[in-house]
Structures are given as C-alpha cells and as structure tokens.
Amino acid sequence: MTDTAAAAAKPRPNPNAPTPQEVLSVEHYTDRLFKFRITRPATFRFRSGEFVMIGLPKEDGKPLLRAYSIASPSWDEELEFFSIKVPDGPLTSRLQKIQPGDHVLLGKKPTGTLVNDALTPAKRLWMFSTGTGFAPFASVIRDPDTYTKFDEVIVTHTCRLEEELAYSIETVAGAKADPLVGEEATAQLRHFTSCTRTPDYPVQGRITTLIENGGLCEAMGVPPLSAENDRVMICGSMEMIQDTKALLEARGFEEGSNAKPADFVIEKAFAG
C-alpha cells in the first residue's frame, strides 16, 4: 500500500468528538447531590442556560455521555455542573467518584431552550426548578443580560429535604456578591424555596401546588401569573415540567423556542 493509500485508509478524527477536560474541584452537598468544575476549552461557546453532553469513557473506550445543564454563566472561564448521584446509574455511579485532577469528557455542541433568547420581553422572569433542575438557572441568574431584559427575576427551588437546597442558596448569595452582576442581582433577584419532606421547613409543598393555590405569588408579594407581565423557565422532573406547563397554558401562556420566542420554555435534558 502506498503512503497516499495508507493515509486515505486511516480513519479521520471526528471533529465533533468529546474532549477530555480536567476536573478542577468537587463539592458534595448530600449523599444525593454534588457539584464539580472542569476546565473550559478556549473555543467552547455557549449561551447561559444551555446544556451539553458530558461523560466518561466506558471499558471499551467509547464515551458514555449524558446531557447536563451548564451551571456556570457564559462568561465564566471554567464550567460548573450540578449533578444527582444515582447508585446504579450507568454514568453518575462513576461520575460521583471523580476527584480534582481526573478528566471528564465534554461535548462540542451546547444547546437548549432555557435561554433569554427564547422568551419575549416582559416585566418579570420566573424560573421554576426542582432538584438538580436548578442547574441552568445557576447560569441564567449570573448573566448580565437577564437583568437587562427583566425588571424582576424570581428563581424557585423545591426539594425533598432542606439540605438539598444548599446549592441554590449558595449560588444566589454568590450572584448577589459577584463583581459583574452583584449590584443588579441584589436589586432584582429573589429566591423562593420549599420542601416536600422536611416537616418544619417554613414553606411546604410542590411548586405546582403553590402556583395553583396562589401561595407562591402571595408569598412573593406579586400579582398572579399572567402572560402579559410574566415569563417562565421550567426545569425539573418530567412530571413537574408537564404539570407546570399545563398550569401556564391554562392561564394563556404560549410555549416558546429558539426559533419562535414566546411566554415560557421548558427543558427536557436529564442525567442518569
């Protein structure tokens, strides 16, 4: 075989293949939740609120990837992720054991609809999240464009147990202290939390129940949700997303997309 033929026969590298990135830090919040930060390639671009495929190599060397929302804002020099731990999950059973200095595979093409571009302008932005569904909103609340587009920003986080709220509480406090968005976040960002299994937590109940019975808006001191004044992002379990979507559509909200911005957007990316 000639050199030319050998070169032609050699498999070409896939330009879209995930690249290994170094783990910079890992923090475990509970036996079910942790966050980690990895290096960000100089060429990696994304919009705050998008997700990307990340993972680890399998025993055969092929990548095992899952969709993860990027929790850091688009201007951050590192990439942050907030993950659940699934004991028998093909990926998270291994991912939860990573340490600084290890490597994680990062996909090349971020995408998603939980972005400011997919919503039309309005007075108030709501972000409804449960569990690790807070991750994309950790990105959105640290983006200056969010505070330019909306007068008031309210992010909600509902978990089973009080200790599972630690990441959102920490992140909201960090946004208000951030040199880039701290002034705007302090003036415009509000945080609402509730629990479903901590009996003495101040606010009890699923976010859908609190929307439906008016408890959420009453607690925040704002008018009932309306398509005229409010825009909504939703991220959580599929059941929570569908239930919340139905509540909004019953109130006249229209679902938006990157191609056609409207009143609310949902996310369908899950890790396991």
C-alpha atoms as a PDB file:
ATOM      1  CA  MET A   1       0.000   0.000   0.000  1.00  0.00           C
ATOM      2  CA  THR A   2       1.348   3.406  -0.936  1.00  0.00           C
ATOM      3  CA  ASP A   3       1.743   6.185   1.630  1.00  0.00           C
ATOM      4  CA  THR A   4      -1.119   8.042  -0.044  1.00  0.00           C
ATOM      5  CA  ALA A   5      -3.398   4.996   0.111  1.00  0.00           C
ATOM      6  CA  ALA A   6      -2.456   4.332   3.728  1.00  0.00           C
ATOM      7  CA  ALA A   7      -3.270   7.920   4.653  1.00  0.00           C
ATOM      8  CA  ALA A   8      -6.611   7.676   2.888  1.00  0.00           C
ATOM      9  CA  ALA A   9      -7.449   4.405   4.644  1.00  0.00           C
ATOM     10  CA  LYS A  10      -6.616   5.756   8.107  1.00  0.00           C
ATOM     11  CA  PRO A  11      -9.792   6.815   9.999  1.00  0.00           C
ATOM     12  CA  ARG A  12     -10.119  10.573  10.241  1.00  0.00           C
ATOM     13  CA  PRO A  13     -10.617  12.054  13.710  1.00  0.00           C
ATOM     14  CA  ASN A  14     -14.194  13.122  14.420  1.00  0.00           C
ATOM     15  CA  PRO A  15     -14.225  16.937  14.794  1.00  0.00           C
ATOM     16  CA  ASN A  16     -17.351  16.633  16.945  1.00  0.00           C
ATOM     17  CA  ALA A  17     -15.912  14.034  19.331  1.00  0.00           C
ATOM     18  CA  PRO A  18     -15.943  14.990  23.053  1.00  0.00           C
ATOM     19  CA  THR A  19     -12.688  16.223  24.517  1.00  0.00           C
ATOM     20  CA  PRO A  20     -11.190  15.348  27.929  1.00  0.00           C
ATOM     21  CA  GLN A  21     -11.277  18.241  30.407  1.00  0.00           C
ATOM     22  CA  GLU A  22      -9.582  18.345  33.808  1.00  0.00           C
ATOM     23  CA  VAL A  23     -11.670  18.268  36.976  1.00  0.00           C
ATOM     24  CA  LEU A  24     -10.765  21.377  38.998  1.00  0.00           C
ATOM     25  CA  SER A  25     -12.957  20.967  42.078  1.00  0.00           C
ATOM     26  CA  VAL A  26     -15.679  18.735  43.530  1.00  0.00           C
ATOM     27  CA  GLU A  27     -18.110  19.500  46.353  1.00  0.00           C
ATOM     28  CA  HIS A  28     -20.596  17.012  47.788  1.00  0.00           C
ATOM     29  CA  TYR A  29     -23.715  18.517  49.377  1.00  0.00           C
ATOM     30  CA  THR A  30     -25.615  15.375  50.360  1.00  0.00           C
ATOM     31  CA  ASP A  31     -25.498  11.667  49.595  1.00  0.00           C
ATOM     32  CA  ARG A  32     -27.578  12.506  46.506  1.00  0.00           C
ATOM     33  CA  LEU A  33     -26.171  15.816  45.210  1.00  0.00           C
ATOM     34  CA  PHE A  34     -22.775  17.238  44.234  1.00  0.00           C
ATOM     35  CA  LYS A  35     -21.217  19.882  42.017  1.00  0.00           C
ATOM     36  CA  PHE A  36     -17.965  19.910  40.087  1.00  0.00           C
ATOM     37  CA  ARG A  37     -15.996  22.320  37.946  1.00  0.00           C
ATOM     38  CA  ILE A  38     -13.871  21.481  34.907  1.00  0.00           C
ATOM     39  CA  THR A  39     -11.604  23.340  32.523  1.00  0.00           C
ATOM     40  CA  ARG A  40     -13.236  25.211  29.654  1.00  0.00           C
ATOM     41  CA  PRO A  41     -11.679  24.987  26.180  1.00  0.00           C
ATOM     42  CA  ALA A  42     -10.853  28.376  24.695  1.00  0.00           C
ATOM     43  CA  THR A  43     -13.085  27.610  21.707  1.00  0.00           C
ATOM     44  CA  PHE A  44     -16.121  26.466  23.745  1.00  0.00           C
ATOM     45  CA  ARG A  45     -19.015  28.925  23.428  1.00  0.00           C
ATOM     46  CA  PHE A  46     -22.500  28.673  24.910  1.00  0.00           C
ATOM     47  CA  ARG A  47     -25.463  30.771  25.990  1.00  0.00           C
ATOM     48  CA  SER A  48     -26.286  30.903  29.691  1.00  0.00           C
ATOM     49  CA  GLY A  49     -28.902  28.214  30.393  1.00  0.00           C
ATOM     50  CA  GLU A  50     -27.840  25.721  27.709  1.00  0.00           C
ATOM     51  CA  PHE A  51     -26.843  22.091  28.242  1.00  0.00           C
ATOM     52  CA  VAL A  52     -24.068  19.944  26.804  1.00  0.00           C
ATOM     53  CA  MET A  53     -23.144  16.267  26.683  1.00  0.00           C
ATOM     54  CA  ILE A  54     -20.590  15.231  29.295  1.00  0.00           C
ATOM     55  CA  GLY A  55     -19.400  11.849  30.487  1.00  0.00           C
ATOM     56  CA  LEU A  56     -16.667   9.286  30.947  1.00  0.00           C
ATOM     57  CA  PRO A  57     -15.122   6.573  28.760  1.00  0.00           C
ATOM     58  CA  LYS A  58     -16.582   3.079  29.051  1.00  0.00           C
ATOM     59  CA  GLU A  59     -14.413  -0.020  29.462  1.00  0.00           C
ATOM     60  CA  ASP A  60     -14.298  -0.426  25.685  1.00  0.00           C
ATOM     61  CA  GLY A  61     -13.032   3.136  25.337  1.00  0.00           C
ATOM     62  CA  LYS A  62     -16.212   4.505  23.814  1.00  0.00           C
ATOM     63  CA  PRO A  63     -17.713   7.573  25.516  1.00  0.00           C
ATOM     64  CA  LEU A  64     -20.696   7.270  27.870  1.00  0.00           C
ATOM     65  CA  LEU A  65     -22.406  10.660  27.666  1.00  0.00           C
ATOM     66  CA  ARG A  66     -25.446  12.324  29.213  1.00  0.00           C
ATOM     67  CA  ALA A  67     -26.964  15.788  28.818  1.00  0.00           C
ATOM     68  CA  TYR A  68     -26.047  18.157  31.643  1.00  0.00           C
ATOM     69  CA  SER A  69     -27.065  21.779  32.064  1.00  0.00           C
ATOM     70  CA  ILE A  70     -24.093  24.113  32.359  1.00  0.00           C
ATOM     71  CA  ALA A  71     -24.428  25.803  35.752  1.00  0.00           C
ATOM     72  CA  SER A  72     -21.770  28.455  35.172  1.00  0.00           C
ATOM     73  CA  PRO A  73     -22.615  31.614  33.187  1.00  0.00           C
ATOM     74  CA  SER A  74     -21.364  32.102  29.644  1.00  0.00           C
ATOM     75  CA  TRP A  75     -18.607  34.484  30.777  1.00  0.00           C
ATOM     76  CA  ASP A  76     -17.033  32.083  33.303  1.00  0.00           C
ATOM     77  CA  GLU A  77     -13.562  30.758  32.492  1.00  0.00           C
ATOM     78  CA  GLU A  78     -14.488  27.368  33.987  1.00  0.00           C
ATOM     79  CA  LEU A  79     -17.513  25.083  33.526  1.00  0.00           C
ATOM     80  CA  GLU A  80     -19.660  24.118  36.515  1.00  0.00           C
ATOM     81  CA  PHE A  81     -22.158  21.257  36.770  1.00  0.00           C
ATOM     82  CA  PHE A  82     -24.660  20.237  39.462  1.00  0.00           C
ATOM     83  CA  SER A  83     -25.447  16.527  39.497  1.00  0.00           C
ATOM     84  CA  ILE A  84     -27.540  13.900  41.200  1.00  0.00           C
ATOM     85  CA  LYS A  85     -25.950  10.640  42.364  1.00  0.00           C
ATOM     86  CA  VAL A  86     -27.693   7.519  41.125  1.00  0.00           C
ATOM     87  CA  PRO A  87     -26.191   4.401  42.793  1.00  0.00           C
ATOM     88  CA  ASP A  88     -26.821   2.165  39.781  1.00  0.00           C
ATOM     89  CA  GLY A  89     -26.776   4.903  37.135  1.00  0.00           C
ATOM     90  CA  PRO A  90     -24.512   3.995  34.201  1.00  0.00           C
ATOM     91  CA  LEU A  91     -22.812   7.388  34.367  1.00  0.00           C
ATOM     92  CA  THR A  92     -23.493   9.042  37.738  1.00  0.00           C
ATOM     93  CA  SER A  93     -22.482   5.942  39.712  1.00  0.00           C
ATOM     94  CA  ARG A  94     -18.967   6.635  38.395  1.00  0.00           C
ATOM     95  CA  LEU A  95     -19.131  10.390  37.965  1.00  0.00           C
ATOM     96  CA  GLN A  96     -19.825  10.940  41.666  1.00  0.00           C
ATOM     97  CA  LYS A  97     -16.378   9.466  42.443  1.00  0.00           C
ATOM     98  CA  ILE A  98     -14.342  11.955  40.399  1.00  0.00           C
ATOM     99  CA  GLN A  99     -11.565  13.909  42.093  1.00  0.00           C
ATOM    100  CA  PRO A 100      -9.600  17.052  41.137  1.00  0.00           C
ATOM    101  CA  GLY A 101      -7.038  16.080  38.536  1.00  0.00           C
ATOM    102  CA  ASP A 102      -9.296  13.463  36.906  1.00  0.00           C
ATOM    103  CA  HIS A 103     -10.751  14.052  33.460  1.00  0.00           C
ATOM    104  CA  VAL A 104     -14.346  14.284  32.205  1.00  0.00           C
ATOM    105  CA  LEU A 105     -15.441  14.172  28.572  1.00  0.00           C
ATOM    106  CA  LEU A 106     -17.045  17.374  27.262  1.00  0.00           C
ATOM    107  CA  GLY A 107     -19.165  17.534  24.124  1.00  0.00           C
ATOM    108  CA  LYS A 108     -18.681  20.156  21.438  1.00  0.00           C
ATOM    109  CA  LYS A 109     -22.238  21.391  20.830  1.00  0.00           C
ATOM    110  CA  PRO A 110     -24.174  23.069  23.657  1.00  0.00           C
ATOM    111  CA  THR A 111     -27.865  23.664  23.008  1.00  0.00           C
ATOM    112  CA  GLY A 112     -31.162  24.192  24.819  1.00  0.00           C
ATOM    113  CA  THR A 113     -34.196  26.422  25.248  1.00  0.00           C
ATOM    114  CA  LEU A 114     -33.714  27.746  28.801  1.00  0.00           C
ATOM    115  CA  VAL A 115     -32.158  30.921  27.424  1.00  0.00           C
ATOM    116  CA  ASN A 116     -33.209  34.539  27.396  1.00  0.00           C
ATOM    117  CA  ASP A 117     -33.366  34.492  23.593  1.00  0.00           C
ATOM    118  CA  ALA A 118     -36.316  32.063  23.655  1.00  0.00           C
ATOM    119  CA  LEU A 119     -38.526  34.442  25.661  1.00  0.00           C
ATOM    120  CA  THR A 120     -40.164  37.678  24.604  1.00  0.00           C
ATOM    121  CA  PRO A 121     -39.640  40.747  26.836  1.00  0.00           C
ATOM    122  CA  ALA A 122     -41.795  41.214  29.947  1.00  0.00           C
ATOM    123  CA  LYS A 123     -41.657  42.708  33.424  1.00  0.00           C
ATOM    124  CA  ARG A 124     -40.824  39.595  35.436  1.00  0.00           C
ATOM    125  CA  LEU A 125     -38.887  36.356  34.851  1.00  0.00           C
ATOM    126  CA  TRP A 126     -39.790  33.256  36.866  1.00  0.00           C
ATOM    127  CA  MET A 127     -37.539  30.184  36.953  1.00  0.00           C
ATOM    128  CA  PHE A 128     -39.267  27.120  38.428  1.00  0.00           C
ATOM    129  CA  SER A 129     -36.939  24.269  39.418  1.00  0.00           C
ATOM    130  CA  THR A 130     -36.874  21.056  41.405  1.00  0.00           C
ATOM    131  CA  GLY A 131     -33.772  19.092  42.464  1.00  0.00           C
ATOM    132  CA  THR A 132     -30.878  19.417  40.032  1.00  0.00           C
ATOM    133  CA  GLY A 133     -33.221  21.334  37.717  1.00  0.00           C
ATOM    134  CA  PHE A 134     -31.805  24.445  39.385  1.00  0.00           C
ATOM    135  CA  ALA A 135     -28.548  23.998  37.401  1.00  0.00           C
ATOM    136  CA  PRO A 136     -29.417  26.027  34.256  1.00  0.00           C
ATOM    137  CA  PHE A 137     -30.798  28.801  36.432  1.00  0.00           C
ATOM    138  CA  ALA A 138     -27.500  28.975  38.298  1.00  0.00           C
ATOM    139  CA  SER A 139     -26.173  30.094  34.918  1.00  0.00           C
ATOM    140  CA  VAL A 140     -29.043  32.426  33.985  1.00  0.00           C
ATOM    141  CA  ILE A 141     -29.026  34.363  37.302  1.00  0.00           C
ATOM    142  CA  ARG A 142     -25.322  35.131  36.819  1.00  0.00           C
ATOM    143  CA  ASP A 143     -25.782  36.530  33.307  1.00  0.00           C
ATOM    144  CA  PRO A 144     -25.966  40.342  32.937  1.00  0.00           C
ATOM    145  CA  ASP A 145     -28.456  40.024  30.042  1.00  0.00           C
ATOM    146  CA  THR A 146     -31.052  38.573  32.428  1.00  0.00           C
ATOM    147  CA  TYR A 147     -31.181  41.789  34.427  1.00  0.00           C
ATOM    148  CA  THR A 148     -31.233  43.932  31.299  1.00  0.00           C
ATOM    149  CA  LYS A 149     -34.210  42.075  29.840  1.00  0.00           C
ATOM    150  CA  PHE A 150     -36.338  41.778  33.019  1.00  0.00           C
ATOM    151  CA  ASP A 151     -37.098  44.184  35.870  1.00  0.00           C
ATOM    152  CA  GLU A 152     -37.576  41.398  38.410  1.00  0.00           C
ATOM    153  CA  VAL A 153     -36.087  37.890  38.475  1.00  0.00           C
ATOM    154  CA  ILE A 154     -37.522  35.178  40.743  1.00  0.00           C
ATOM    155  CA  VAL A 155     -35.940  31.728  40.926  1.00  0.00           C
ATOM    156  CA  THR A 156     -37.705  28.966  42.844  1.00  0.00           C
ATOM    157  CA  HIS A 157     -36.188  25.710  44.077  1.00  0.00           C
ATOM    158  CA  THR A 158     -38.198  22.838  45.551  1.00  0.00           C
ATOM    159  CA  CYS A 159     -36.518  19.762  47.021  1.00  0.00           C
ATOM    160  CA  ARG A 160     -37.472  16.879  49.242  1.00  0.00           C
ATOM    161  CA  LEU A 161     -35.193  17.864  52.122  1.00  0.00           C
ATOM    162  CA  GLU A 162     -33.861  21.179  53.413  1.00  0.00           C
ATOM    163  CA  GLU A 163     -30.202  20.185  52.982  1.00  0.00           C
ATOM    164  CA  GLU A 164     -30.830  19.663  49.262  1.00  0.00           C
ATOM    165  CA  LEU A 165     -31.446  23.403  48.886  1.00  0.00           C
ATOM    166  CA  ALA A 166     -27.837  24.248  49.821  1.00  0.00           C
ATOM    167  CA  TYR A 167     -26.569  24.659  46.252  1.00  0.00           C
ATOM    168  CA  SER A 168     -29.252  27.153  45.204  1.00  0.00           C
ATOM    169  CA  ILE A 169     -28.904  29.154  48.423  1.00  0.00           C
ATOM    170  CA  GLU A 170     -25.141  29.306  47.944  1.00  0.00           C
ATOM    171  CA  THR A 171     -25.429  30.238  44.269  1.00  0.00           C
ATOM    172  CA  VAL A 172     -27.970  33.026  44.776  1.00  0.00           C
ATOM    173  CA  ALA A 173     -25.798  34.518  47.528  1.00  0.00           C
ATOM    174  CA  GLY A 174     -22.804  34.277  45.196  1.00  0.00           C
ATOM    175  CA  ALA A 175     -24.649  36.063  42.407  1.00  0.00           C
ATOM    176  CA  LYS A 176     -25.504  38.952  44.711  1.00  0.00           C
ATOM    177  CA  ALA A 177     -21.856  39.249  45.731  1.00  0.00           C
ATOM    178  CA  ASP A 178     -20.461  38.856  42.209  1.00  0.00           C
ATOM    179  CA  PRO A 179     -18.456  41.843  40.886  1.00  0.00           C
ATOM    180  CA  LEU A 180     -20.110  41.590  37.462  1.00  0.00           C
ATOM    181  CA  VAL A 181     -23.817  41.190  38.331  1.00  0.00           C
ATOM    182  CA  GLY A 182     -23.913  41.716  42.096  1.00  0.00           C
ATOM    183  CA  GLU A 183     -25.498  45.158  42.021  1.00  0.00           C
ATOM    184  CA  GLU A 184     -28.257  44.098  39.622  1.00  0.00           C
ATOM    185  CA  ALA A 185     -28.838  40.757  41.359  1.00  0.00           C
ATOM    186  CA  THR A 186     -29.123  42.416  44.760  1.00  0.00           C
ATOM    187  CA  ALA A 187     -31.771  44.786  43.414  1.00  0.00           C
ATOM    188  CA  GLN A 188     -33.680  42.444  41.090  1.00  0.00           C
ATOM    189  CA  LEU A 189     -33.110  38.782  42.081  1.00  0.00           C
ATOM    190  CA  ARG A 190     -35.356  36.970  44.563  1.00  0.00           C
ATOM    191  CA  HIS A 191     -35.147  33.362  45.739  1.00  0.00           C
ATOM    192  CA  PHE A 192     -38.077  31.168  46.820  1.00  0.00           C
ATOM    193  CA  THR A 193     -37.563  27.718  48.355  1.00  0.00           C
ATOM    194  CA  SER A 194     -39.902  24.963  49.509  1.00  0.00           C
ATOM    195  CA  CYS A 195     -39.586  21.380  50.734  1.00  0.00           C
ATOM    196  CA  THR A 196     -41.841  18.369  50.390  1.00  0.00           C
ATOM    197  CA  ARG A 197     -40.411  16.120  53.146  1.00  0.00           C
ATOM    198  CA  THR A 198     -38.887  18.403  55.805  1.00  0.00           C
ATOM    199  CA  PRO A 199     -41.799  18.853  58.242  1.00  0.00           C
ATOM    200  CA  ASP A 200     -40.633  22.058  59.941  1.00  0.00           C
ATOM    201  CA  TYR A 201     -39.453  23.898  56.795  1.00  0.00           C
ATOM    202  CA  PRO A 202     -41.174  27.327  56.546  1.00  0.00           C
ATOM    203  CA  VAL A 203     -42.775  26.610  53.149  1.00  0.00           C
ATOM    204  CA  GLN A 204     -44.147  23.146  52.397  1.00  0.00           C
ATOM    205  CA  GLY A 205     -45.346  21.702  49.124  1.00  0.00           C
ATOM    206  CA  ARG A 206     -44.702  21.093  45.451  1.00  0.00           C
ATOM    207  CA  ILE A 207     -44.186  24.172  43.305  1.00  0.00           C
ATOM    208  CA  THR A 208     -47.201  23.226  41.165  1.00  0.00           C
ATOM    209  CA  THR A 209     -49.426  23.212  44.252  1.00  0.00           C
ATOM    210  CA  LEU A 210     -48.073  26.596  45.321  1.00  0.00           C
ATOM    211  CA  ILE A 211     -48.724  28.036  41.856  1.00  0.00           C
ATOM    212  CA  GLU A 212     -52.198  26.564  41.682  1.00  0.00           C
ATOM    213  CA  ASN A 213     -53.381  27.696  45.127  1.00  0.00           C
ATOM    214  CA  GLY A 214     -51.813  31.157  44.789  1.00  0.00           C
ATOM    215  CA  GLY A 215     -49.425  30.604  47.679  1.00  0.00           C
ATOM    216  CA  LEU A 216     -46.327  31.325  45.609  1.00  0.00           C
ATOM    217  CA  CYS A 217     -47.353  34.749  44.301  1.00  0.00           C
ATOM    218  CA  GLU A 218     -48.788  35.669  47.688  1.00  0.00           C
ATOM    219  CA  ALA A 219     -45.529  34.752  49.419  1.00  0.00           C
ATOM    220  CA  MET A 220     -43.544  36.842  46.929  1.00  0.00           C
ATOM    221  CA  GLY A 221     -45.982  39.761  47.092  1.00  0.00           C
ATOM    222  CA  VAL A 222     -46.594  39.875  43.343  1.00  0.00           C
ATOM    223  CA  PRO A 223     -49.774  39.676  41.217  1.00  0.00           C
ATOM    224  CA  PRO A 224     -50.972  36.278  39.914  1.00  0.00           C
ATOM    225  CA  LEU A 225     -49.066  34.873  36.959  1.00  0.00           C
ATOM    226  CA  SER A 226     -50.095  36.458  33.666  1.00  0.00           C
ATOM    227  CA  ALA A 227     -48.839  36.160  30.112  1.00  0.00           C
ATOM    228  CA  GLU A 228     -48.828  39.949  29.910  1.00  0.00           C
ATOM    229  CA  ASN A 229     -46.315  40.558  32.708  1.00  0.00           C
ATOM    230  CA  ASP A 230     -44.520  37.253  33.343  1.00  0.00           C
ATOM    231  CA  ARG A 231     -42.120  34.959  31.518  1.00  0.00           C
ATOM    232  CA  VAL A 232     -41.247  31.484  32.781  1.00  0.00           C
ATOM    233  CA  MET A 233     -38.470  28.901  32.510  1.00  0.00           C
ATOM    234  CA  ILE A 234     -39.132  25.381  33.857  1.00  0.00           C
ATOM    235  CA  CYS A 235     -36.631  22.631  34.715  1.00  0.00           C
ATOM    236  CA  GLY A 236     -37.107  19.532  36.853  1.00  0.00           C
ATOM    237  CA  SER A 237     -38.616  16.067  36.584  1.00  0.00           C
ATOM    238  CA  MET A 238     -40.712  15.309  33.517  1.00  0.00           C
ATOM    239  CA  GLU A 239     -43.833  15.137  35.692  1.00  0.00           C
ATOM    240  CA  MET A 240     -43.103  18.553  37.235  1.00  0.00           C
ATOM    241  CA  ILE A 241     -42.428  20.079  33.809  1.00  0.00           C
ATOM    242  CA  GLN A 242     -45.641  18.765  32.280  1.00  0.00           C
ATOM    243  CA  ASP A 243     -47.769  19.769  35.279  1.00  0.00           C
ATOM    244  CA  THR A 244     -46.313  23.273  35.362  1.00  0.00           C
ATOM    245  CA  LYS A 245     -46.675  23.630  31.593  1.00  0.00           C
ATOM    246  CA  ALA A 246     -50.363  22.726  31.876  1.00  0.00           C
ATOM    247  CA  LEU A 247     -50.889  25.318  34.631  1.00  0.00           C
ATOM    248  CA  LEU A 248     -49.305  28.026  32.473  1.00  0.00           C
ATOM    249  CA  GLU A 249     -51.186  27.119  29.306  1.00  0.00           C
ATOM    250  CA  ALA A 250     -54.440  27.233  31.276  1.00  0.00           C
ATOM    251  CA  ARG A 251     -53.516  30.838  32.098  1.00  0.00           C
ATOM    252  CA  GLY A 252     -52.936  31.740  28.448  1.00  0.00           C
ATOM    253  CA  PHE A 253     -49.155  31.321  28.277  1.00  0.00           C
ATOM    254  CA  GLU A 254     -47.636  30.207  24.981  1.00  0.00           C
ATOM    255  CA  GLU A 255     -44.582  27.928  24.829  1.00  0.00           C
ATOM    256  CA  GLY A 256     -41.549  29.474  23.160  1.00  0.00           C
ATOM    257  CA  SER A 257     -38.449  28.167  21.394  1.00  0.00           C
ATOM    258  CA  ASN A 258     -35.227  29.444  19.908  1.00  0.00           C
ATOM    259  CA  ALA A 259     -36.979  29.760  16.553  1.00  0.00           C
ATOM    260  CA  LYS A 260     -40.101  31.400  17.982  1.00  0.00           C
ATOM    261  CA  PRO A 261     -39.689  33.208  21.335  1.00  0.00           C
ATOM    262  CA  ALA A 262     -42.824  33.345  23.493  1.00  0.00           C
ATOM    263  CA  ASP A 263     -44.021  33.286  27.135  1.00  0.00           C
ATOM    264  CA  PHE A 264     -42.419  30.170  28.660  1.00  0.00           C
ATOM    265  CA  VAL A 265     -39.813  27.498  27.892  1.00  0.00           C
ATOM    266  CA  ILE A 266     -39.098  24.031  29.240  1.00  0.00           C
ATOM    267  CA  GLU A 267     -36.072  21.735  29.310  1.00  0.00           C
ATOM    268  CA  LYS A 268     -36.050  18.011  28.544  1.00  0.00           C
ATOM    269  CA  ALA A 269     -32.420  17.069  29.210  1.00  0.00           C
ATOM    270  CA  PHE A 270     -31.784  14.593  32.025  1.00  0.00           C
ATOM    271  CA  ALA A 271     -28.750  12.923  33.580  1.00  0.00           C
ATOM    272  CA  GLY A 272     -28.681   9.374  34.918  1.00  0.00           C
END
